[in-house]
């Protein structure tokens, strides 16, 4: 169920943020891409949970994840990971929109502004 999914919990523990995303399907030696994917899901699902329930803890968790990655990720090492970032961060962009336009109080970091 959505509310019991580990990515929806306001107690979710971030796996990132990482400064570098390396290319590898091996989550042990190059965990960045897996960290990003999981944290993106958690940001979106917590933002959605905030929108549905009004529970500020979910908005706080989503903002923590968004701010963490926006201030930390500096390097994406190849085309494969560039595509991965483009796909995964769509979750973060949707989370940012939900937070900004639903009265969460999050103003967004510069990384999410155009």
Protein backbone atom coordinates (compact mmCIF):
# COMPACT_ATOMS: atom_id res chain seq x y z
CA UNK A 1 0.00 0.00 0.00
CA UNK A 2 1.13 3.53 -0.74
CA UNK A 3 1.17 4.78 2.84
CA UNK A 4 3.21 1.79 4.03
CA UNK A 5 5.72 1.83 1.19
CA UNK A 6 9.25 2.55 2.47
CA UNK A 7 9.55 5.49 0.07
CA UNK A 8 6.42 7.14 1.50
CA UNK A 9 7.54 7.09 5.11
CA UNK A 10 8.55 10.43 6.57
CA UNK A 11 11.19 8.45 8.48
CA UNK A 12 12.84 7.36 5.20
CA UNK A 13 16.64 7.50 5.51
CA UNK A 14 18.31 9.08 2.51
CA UNK A 15 20.87 6.96 0.70
CA UNK A 16 22.56 10.01 -0.81
CA UNK A 17 23.21 12.65 -1.65
CA UNK A 18 26.34 11.90 -3.61
CA UNK A 19 28.63 14.39 -5.31
CA UNK A 20 29.46 11.99 -8.16
CA UNK A 21 27.33 9.52 -10.12
CA UNK A 22 29.47 6.70 -11.54
CA UNK A 23 28.43 4.29 -14.27
CA UNK A 24 27.87 0.79 -13.01
CA UNK A 25 25.06 -1.59 -12.31
CA UNK A 26 26.99 -2.66 -9.22
CA UNK A 27 25.37 -0.85 -6.31
CA UNK A 28 28.24 -1.87 -4.02
CA UNK A 29 31.10 -0.22 -5.91
CA UNK A 30 29.13 2.61 -7.57
CA UNK A 31 26.10 3.30 -5.40
CA UNK A 32 25.31 6.83 -6.60
CA UNK A 33 22.81 5.93 -9.29
CA UNK A 34 20.90 3.65 -6.91
CA UNK A 35 20.98 6.29 -4.22
CA UNK A 36 19.57 8.85 -6.64
CA UNK A 37 16.78 6.58 -7.87
CA UNK A 38 15.64 5.64 -4.37
CA UNK A 39 15.88 9.16 -3.00
CA UNK A 40 13.95 10.55 -5.99
CA UNK A 41 11.15 8.07 -5.34
CA UNK A 42 11.10 9.01 -1.66
CA UNK A 43 11.02 12.75 -2.41
CA UNK A 44 8.07 12.34 -4.75
CA UNK A 45 6.11 9.94 -2.58
CA UNK A 46 6.60 12.08 0.53
CA UNK A 47 5.53 15.20 -1.37
CA UNK A 48 2.47 13.34 -2.61
CA UNK A 49 1.73 12.07 0.91
CA UNK A 50 2.01 15.66 2.19
CA UNK A 51 -0.48 16.78 -0.45
CA UNK A 52 -2.93 14.01 0.40
CA UNK A 53 -2.68 14.02 4.20
CA UNK A 54 -1.44 17.48 5.14
CA UNK A 55 1.14 15.84 7.41
CA UNK A 56 4.00 18.36 7.50
CA UNK A 57 6.53 15.60 8.28
CA UNK A 58 6.17 14.38 4.70
CA UNK A 59 6.79 17.86 3.31
CA UNK A 60 9.85 18.20 5.53
CA UNK A 61 11.26 14.85 4.35
CA UNK A 62 10.68 15.68 0.68
CA UNK A 63 12.36 19.08 1.12
CA UNK A 64 15.32 17.48 2.92
CA UNK A 65 15.90 15.14 0.00
CA UNK A 66 15.50 17.86 -2.64
CA UNK A 67 17.81 20.27 -0.84
CA UNK A 68 20.40 17.57 -0.18
CA UNK A 69 20.77 16.47 -3.78
CA UNK A 70 20.53 20.01 -5.17
CA UNK A 71 23.44 21.16 -3.02
CA UNK A 72 25.64 18.06 -3.35
CA UNK A 73 25.51 16.48 -6.82
CA UNK A 74 28.30 18.01 -8.88
CA UNK A 75 29.39 15.44 -11.48
CA UNK A 76 27.64 12.92 -13.72
CA UNK A 77 30.37 10.85 -15.35
CA UNK A 78 28.91 9.69 -18.67
CA UNK A 79 25.96 9.67 -21.07
CA UNK A 80 24.35 6.64 -19.45
CA UNK A 81 24.21 8.41 -16.12
CA UNK A 82 23.08 11.65 -17.74
CA UNK A 83 20.06 9.76 -19.03
CA UNK A 84 19.56 8.17 -15.61
CA UNK A 85 19.56 11.61 -13.98
CA UNK A 86 17.07 12.92 -16.53
CA UNK A 87 14.69 10.04 -15.86
CA UNK A 88 15.02 9.88 -12.08
CA UNK A 89 14.97 13.59 -11.38
CA UNK A 90 11.54 13.90 -12.99
CA UNK A 91 10.33 12.53 -9.65
CA UNK A 92 12.17 15.32 -7.84
CA UNK A 93 10.80 18.00 -10.13
CA UNK A 94 7.27 16.78 -9.49
CA UNK A 95 7.98 16.70 -5.76
CA UNK A 96 9.26 20.28 -5.94
CA UNK A 97 6.12 21.43 -7.75
CA UNK A 98 3.90 19.76 -5.16
CA UNK A 99 5.77 21.39 -2.29
CA UNK A 100 5.86 24.86 -3.81
CA UNK A 101 2.22 25.01 -4.85
CA UNK A 102 0.52 23.32 -1.89
CA UNK A 103 1.52 25.61 0.95
CA UNK A 104 4.32 23.50 2.41
CA UNK A 105 6.42 26.58 3.01
CA UNK A 106 9.32 25.24 0.92
CA UNK A 107 10.50 27.93 -1.47
CA UNK A 108 12.78 25.67 -3.43
CA UNK A 109 16.50 25.83 -3.95
CA UNK A 110 18.06 27.59 -6.92
CA UNK A 111 18.61 24.21 -8.57
CA UNK A 112 14.85 23.84 -9.06
CA UNK A 113 14.23 27.31 -10.47
CA UNK A 114 14.41 28.27 -14.12
